[in-house]
Amino acid sequence: MEKEPKFKKVVEGADALSLGISVVVAVLMGVGIGYWMKKVLGYEWLLWLGIFWGVGGAALNIYKAYKRQKRELDELANDPKYKDYSSKKEEEDILDEFGK
């Protein structure tokens, strides 16, 4: 039996928190860059461009986290130790049998 690393749960928790932190950081960076460009160049719309970049970066971070999580769940679904569980079709047949 393999021994789990001592801080495995802490690392998993930090990984989950990193998405929220990265979204906030991306938006704040976009706002900061937009504000800086507005002050340096004097155009009001550059602030909005920075906000748009920040929100776009946050959306990209969410998309990357989604793809990573989907890949991990797909690997788990193909794991041989979970192959014996019933399929969705079998679950529907059981529900139909009991009249739900």
Foldseek 3Di string as FASTA:
>chain_A
DDDDDPCPVVVVVVVVVVLVVLLVVLQVQLQVQQVVCCVVVVDNCSNVVSNVRSNVSSVVSVVVVVVVVVVVVVVVVPDVVPVPDDDPVVVVVVCVVVPD
